[in-house]
Protein backbone atom coordinates (compact mmCIF):
# COMPACT_ATOMS: atom_id res chain seq x y z
CA UNK A 1 0.00 0.00 0.00
CA UNK A 2 2.79 2.39 1.01
CA UNK A 3 4.79 1.36 -2.04
CA UNK A 4 1.84 2.23 -4.28
CA UNK A 5 1.51 5.64 -2.63
CA UNK A 6 5.21 6.37 -3.20
CA UNK A 7 4.84 5.47 -6.88
CA UNK A 8 1.89 7.85 -7.21
CA UNK A 9 3.79 10.72 -5.54
CA UNK A 10 6.84 10.18 -7.74
CA UNK A 11 4.63 10.13 -10.83
CA UNK A 12 2.99 13.43 -9.83
CA UNK A 13 6.40 15.06 -9.29
CA UNK A 14 7.62 13.88 -12.68
CA UNK A 15 4.43 15.24 -14.30
CA UNK A 16 4.82 18.66 -12.63
CA UNK A 17 8.47 18.87 -13.67
CA UNK A 18 7.44 18.00 -17.22
CA UNK A 19 4.81 20.76 -17.30
CA UNK A 20 7.34 23.28 -15.98
CA UNK A 21 9.89 22.31 -18.63
CA UNK A 22 7.20 22.48 -21.34
CA UNK A 23 6.18 26.02 -20.34
CA UNK A 24 9.83 27.13 -20.43
CA UNK A 25 10.25 25.58 -23.87
CA UNK A 26 7.24 27.52 -25.20
CA UNK A 27 8.59 30.71 -23.57
CA UNK A 28 5.11 32.04 -22.75
CA UNK A 29 5.45 35.81 -22.18
CA UNK A 30 4.26 37.04 -18.80
CA UNK A 31 2.85 40.23 -20.37
CA UNK A 32 -0.07 38.22 -21.76
CA UNK A 33 -0.85 36.43 -18.50
CA UNK A 34 -2.82 37.30 -15.40
CA UNK A 35 -1.36 35.62 -12.34
CA UNK A 36 -3.70 34.88 -9.44
CA UNK A 37 -2.00 34.12 -6.13
CA UNK A 38 -4.04 31.55 -4.19
CA UNK A 39 -1.52 31.07 -1.36
CA UNK A 40 0.07 27.74 -2.05
CA UNK A 41 0.46 27.98 -5.82
CA UNK A 42 -0.16 30.26 -8.78
CA UNK A 43 -2.76 29.78 -11.52
CA UNK A 44 -2.07 31.55 -14.81
CA UNK A 45 -4.88 32.76 -17.06
CA UNK A 46 -4.04 33.65 -20.67
CA UNK A 47 -6.77 36.31 -20.89
CA UNK A 48 -6.96 39.71 -19.23
CA UNK A 49 -10.37 40.91 -18.05
CA UNK A 50 -12.62 41.82 -20.96
CA UNK A 51 -13.69 45.45 -21.26
CA UNK A 52 -17.44 45.93 -21.66
CA UNK A 53 -18.81 48.84 -23.69
CA UNK A 54 -22.47 49.78 -24.09
CA UNK A 55 -23.71 51.76 -27.10
CA UNK A 56 -27.02 53.55 -26.54
CA UNK A 57 -29.10 55.77 -28.77
CA UNK A 58 -30.35 55.99 -32.33
CA UNK A 59 -29.40 54.65 -35.77
CA UNK A 60 -25.82 55.92 -35.43
CA UNK A 61 -25.34 53.79 -32.33
CA UNK A 62 -27.00 50.95 -34.23
CA UNK A 63 -24.65 51.41 -37.18
CA UNK A 64 -27.30 51.87 -39.86
CA UNK A 65 -25.64 52.37 -43.24
CA UNK A 66 -22.64 50.15 -42.58
CA UNK A 67 -23.01 47.13 -44.83
CA UNK A 68 -21.35 45.00 -42.14
CA UNK A 69 -23.59 46.45 -39.38
CA UNK A 70 -20.58 47.33 -37.24
CA UNK A 71 -20.96 51.11 -37.23
CA UNK A 72 -18.48 53.35 -35.44
CA UNK A 73 -18.58 51.15 -32.33
CA UNK A 74 -17.20 48.24 -34.36
CA UNK A 75 -14.32 50.44 -35.46
CA UNK A 76 -13.67 51.48 -31.84
CA UNK A 77 -13.69 47.83 -30.79
CA UNK A 78 -11.15 46.90 -33.46
CA UNK A 79 -8.83 49.78 -32.59
CA UNK A 80 -9.12 49.14 -28.85
CA UNK A 81 -8.38 45.43 -29.10
CA UNK A 82 -5.42 46.07 -31.36
CA UNK A 83 -4.02 48.66 -28.96
CA UNK A 84 -4.82 47.13 -25.57
CA UNK A 85 -4.34 43.48 -26.54
CA UNK A 86 -7.56 42.57 -24.75
CA UNK A 87 -11.16 42.00 -25.77
CA UNK A 88 -13.87 44.66 -25.87
CA UNK A 89 -17.33 43.18 -25.50
CA UNK A 90 -19.87 45.50 -27.15
CA UNK A 91 -23.49 45.65 -26.05
CA UNK A 92 -25.31 47.63 -28.72
CA UNK A 93 -28.74 48.99 -27.79
CA UNK A 94 -29.05 51.46 -30.65
CA UNK A 95 -32.51 51.81 -32.22
CA UNK A 96 -33.06 53.55 -35.60
CA UNK A 97 -35.25 56.70 -35.39
CA UNK A 98 -34.97 56.84 -31.59
CA UNK A 99 -35.28 60.21 -29.86
CA UNK A 100 -34.05 61.15 -26.41
CA UNK A 101 -37.57 60.43 -25.13
CA UNK A 102 -37.37 56.93 -26.62
CA UNK A 103 -33.98 56.30 -25.00
CA UNK A 104 -35.24 57.47 -21.62
CA UNK A 105 -38.17 55.06 -21.91
CA UNK A 106 -35.84 52.26 -23.03
CA UNK A 107 -33.88 52.64 -19.82
CA UNK A 108 -37.05 51.69 -17.93
CA UNK A 109 -36.18 48.17 -19.03
CA UNK A 110 -34.33 46.84 -16.00
CA UNK A 111 -32.23 44.38 -18.00
CA UNK A 112 -30.99 47.05 -20.44
CA UNK A 113 -30.46 49.60 -17.68
CA UNK A 114 -28.48 47.19 -15.50
CA UNK A 115 -26.44 45.98 -18.47
CA UNK A 116 -25.51 49.53 -19.45
CA UNK A 117 -24.69 50.63 -15.90
CA UNK A 118 -22.45 47.61 -15.34
CA UNK A 119 -20.40 48.40 -18.47
CA UNK A 120 -16.91 49.86 -18.19
CA UNK A 121 -17.59 52.45 -20.92
CA UNK A 122 -20.86 53.94 -22.18
CA UNK A 123 -21.31 55.64 -25.55
CA UNK A 124 -24.44 57.67 -26.32
CA UNK A 125 -25.66 58.78 -29.73
CA UNK A 126 -28.88 60.71 -29.31
CA UNK A 127 -30.36 64.04 -30.37
CA UNK A 128 -30.30 63.80 -34.17
CA UNK A 129 -33.94 62.74 -34.41
CA UNK A 130 -34.99 65.30 -31.79
CA UNK A 131 -33.30 67.89 -33.99
CA UNK A 132 -34.75 66.64 -37.29
CA UNK A 133 -38.31 66.83 -35.91
CA UNK A 134 -37.97 70.62 -36.14
CA UNK A 135 -36.64 70.74 -39.69
CA UNK A 136 -37.60 69.77 -43.21
CA UNK A 137 -34.51 67.86 -44.34
CA UNK A 138 -32.47 70.64 -42.71
CA UNK A 139 -33.75 73.23 -45.18
CA UNK A 140 -36.64 74.78 -43.25
CA UNK A 141 -36.53 75.41 -39.53
CA UNK A 142 -39.45 75.87 -37.19
CA UNK A 143 -37.72 78.10 -34.65
CA UNK A 144 -40.43 77.76 -32.00
CA UNK A 145 -40.61 73.99 -32.33
CA UNK A 146 -36.82 73.75 -32.36
CA UNK A 147 -36.54 75.57 -29.02
CA UNK A 148 -39.23 73.40 -27.47
CA UNK A 149 -37.57 70.19 -28.68
CA UNK A 150 -34.18 71.46 -27.57
CA UNK A 151 -35.43 71.96 -24.01
CA UNK A 152 -37.04 68.51 -24.01
CA UNK A 153 -33.81 67.00 -25.32
CA UNK A 154 -31.69 68.67 -22.63
CA UNK A 155 -34.08 67.56 -19.88
CA UNK A 156 -34.13 63.99 -21.19
CA UNK A 157 -30.35 63.84 -21.59
CA UNK A 158 -29.91 65.08 -18.04
CA UNK A 159 -32.21 62.32 -16.75
CA UNK A 160 -30.48 59.70 -18.90
CA UNK A 161 -27.10 60.59 -17.39
CA UNK A 162 -28.51 60.49 -13.86
CA UNK A 163 -29.78 56.97 -14.50
CA UNK A 164 -26.60 55.67 -16.13
CA UNK A 165 -23.95 57.10 -13.83
CA UNK A 166 -23.18 54.62 -11.07
CA UNK A 167 -22.13 56.77 -8.12
CA UNK A 168 -20.50 53.82 -6.32
CA UNK A 169 -18.52 52.73 -9.36
CA UNK A 170 -18.31 55.75 -11.71
CA UNK A 171 -17.20 55.25 -15.30
CA UNK A 172 -16.78 57.68 -18.18
CA UNK A 173 -19.84 58.28 -20.34
CA UNK A 174 -19.15 59.61 -23.83
CA UNK A 175 -21.80 61.62 -25.69
CA UNK A 176 -21.36 62.15 -29.42
CA UNK A 177 -22.50 65.43 -30.95
CA UNK A 178 -24.57 65.72 -34.13
CA UNK A 179 -23.26 66.75 -37.56
CA UNK A 180 -24.41 68.32 -40.83
CA UNK A 181 -24.79 65.49 -43.38
CA UNK A 182 -25.03 67.99 -46.25
CA UNK A 183 -21.32 67.99 -46.84
CA UNK A 184 -21.61 69.84 -50.16
CA UNK A 185 -23.25 72.72 -48.35
CA UNK A 186 -21.02 72.59 -45.29
CA UNK A 187 -20.79 76.39 -45.28
CA UNK A 188 -24.56 76.84 -45.02
CA UNK A 189 -24.69 79.38 -42.21
CA UNK A 190 -28.19 78.65 -40.93
CA UNK A 191 -27.77 74.88 -40.84
CA UNK A 192 -24.40 74.97 -39.12
CA UNK A 193 -25.47 77.69 -36.72
CA UNK A 194 -28.46 75.64 -35.62
CA UNK A 195 -26.46 72.42 -35.30
CA UNK A 196 -23.81 74.27 -33.30
CA UNK A 197 -26.49 75.62 -30.97
CA UNK A 198 -27.80 72.10 -30.43
CA UNK A 199 -24.33 70.74 -29.73
CA UNK A 200 -23.70 73.57 -27.26
CA UNK A 201 -26.79 72.37 -25.40
CA UNK A 202 -25.27 68.91 -25.21
CA UNK A 203 -21.99 70.34 -23.93
CA UNK A 204 -23.79 72.28 -21.19
CA UNK A 205 -25.52 69.14 -19.96
CA UNK A 206 -22.27 67.19 -20.20
CA UNK A 207 -20.41 69.72 -18.06
CA UNK A 208 -23.06 69.44 -15.35
CA UNK A 209 -22.22 65.75 -14.81
CA UNK A 210 -19.00 64.22 -13.53
CA UNK A 211 -17.16 61.61 -15.60
CA UNK A 212 -19.00 62.64 -18.75
CA UNK A 213 -17.26 63.69 -21.96
CA UNK A 214 -18.51 65.26 -25.18
CA UNK A 215 -17.09 64.06 -28.51
CA UNK A 216 -17.32 66.43 -31.45
CA UNK A 217 -18.39 65.05 -34.85
CA UNK A 218 -19.66 68.12 -36.76
CA UNK A 219 -16.24 68.79 -38.29
CA UNK A 220 -15.58 65.25 -39.56
CA UNK A 221 -17.43 65.39 -42.88
CA UNK A 222 -16.83 68.99 -43.97
CA UNK A 223 -15.67 69.12 -47.60
CA UNK A 224 -15.71 65.31 -47.82
CA UNK A 225 -17.09 63.54 -50.90
CA UNK A 226 -20.53 62.45 -49.71
CA UNK A 227 -20.67 59.46 -52.04
CA UNK A 228 -17.51 58.07 -50.45
CA UNK A 229 -18.56 58.52 -46.83
CA UNK A 230 -22.36 58.20 -46.72
CA UNK A 231 -24.81 55.41 -47.48
CA UNK A 232 -27.82 57.76 -47.74
CA UNK A 233 -28.80 61.35 -46.93
CA UNK A 234 -27.97 60.99 -43.24
CA UNK A 235 -26.11 57.80 -42.35
CA UNK A 236 -22.40 57.17 -42.92
CA UNK A 237 -21.14 54.03 -44.66
CA UNK A 238 -18.29 51.90 -43.33
CA UNK A 239 -15.72 54.52 -44.34
CA UNK A 240 -17.75 57.32 -42.74
CA UNK A 241 -18.22 55.40 -39.51
CA UNK A 242 -14.46 54.79 -39.46
CA UNK A 243 -13.94 58.57 -39.23
CA UNK A 244 -16.23 58.69 -36.20
CA UNK A 245 -14.67 55.55 -34.73
CA UNK A 246 -11.17 56.98 -34.96
CA UNK A 247 -12.27 60.21 -33.23
CA UNK A 248 -14.02 58.25 -30.46
CA UNK A 249 -11.09 55.89 -29.92
CA UNK A 250 -8.57 58.74 -29.77
CA UNK A 251 -10.74 60.51 -27.18
CA UNK A 252 -11.11 57.38 -25.04
CA UNK A 253 -7.41 56.57 -25.37
CA UNK A 254 -6.41 60.09 -24.37
CA UNK A 255 -8.67 60.13 -21.29
CA UNK A 256 -7.37 56.74 -20.14
CA UNK A 257 -3.78 58.00 -19.96
């Protein structure tokens, strides 16, 4: 009986020595490993903790117009994973045609709300449809209606941020501004003036909340060839979303340093 036990112990030692020699032969780099100290030994995991990102809002969060349905958030994911050497898990809750009122109502869904709040990063695209409700394809503006919708939008955005910001475990929330899709008429004073006013409203709300950042997009498509960067009158194509994705990634990367 004792002899059998000795044989087993010797076999285990030989096996452990073999595993150690094998790992040295493979020369596994420690930079790609997470070591967990459990007291009597160390267990090595080959994967760092995944980063979770939630995308909330309208068709731009959804990625409408990108033939691969990745949108700008897919571009951010690709850039992040390439840079950080870890995985970004994207939870996309974008809904085409959604307004700030729609997003606020969507957050009444406990599952979506909890999922977004638990994310490490939150991206919000909202306001474009609130804005468009007061225009006729951005050619005619109902000034009275625009002011009313702008106040509703600001109130809704403020409530959305209150819901999403976890005071016990704060994370950065990024809000993307709106842009003028009429790139050929990028110098149209009235259009740009109105869009700028709307974005300034977003900035004011953003500044009233901690850990919240505004990302500008209205300058990205100026003087660009619309056929190369847009899939329709409003939505970017894959190349257009890549412009937004690069801006978003650079902003996130800069704030994380």
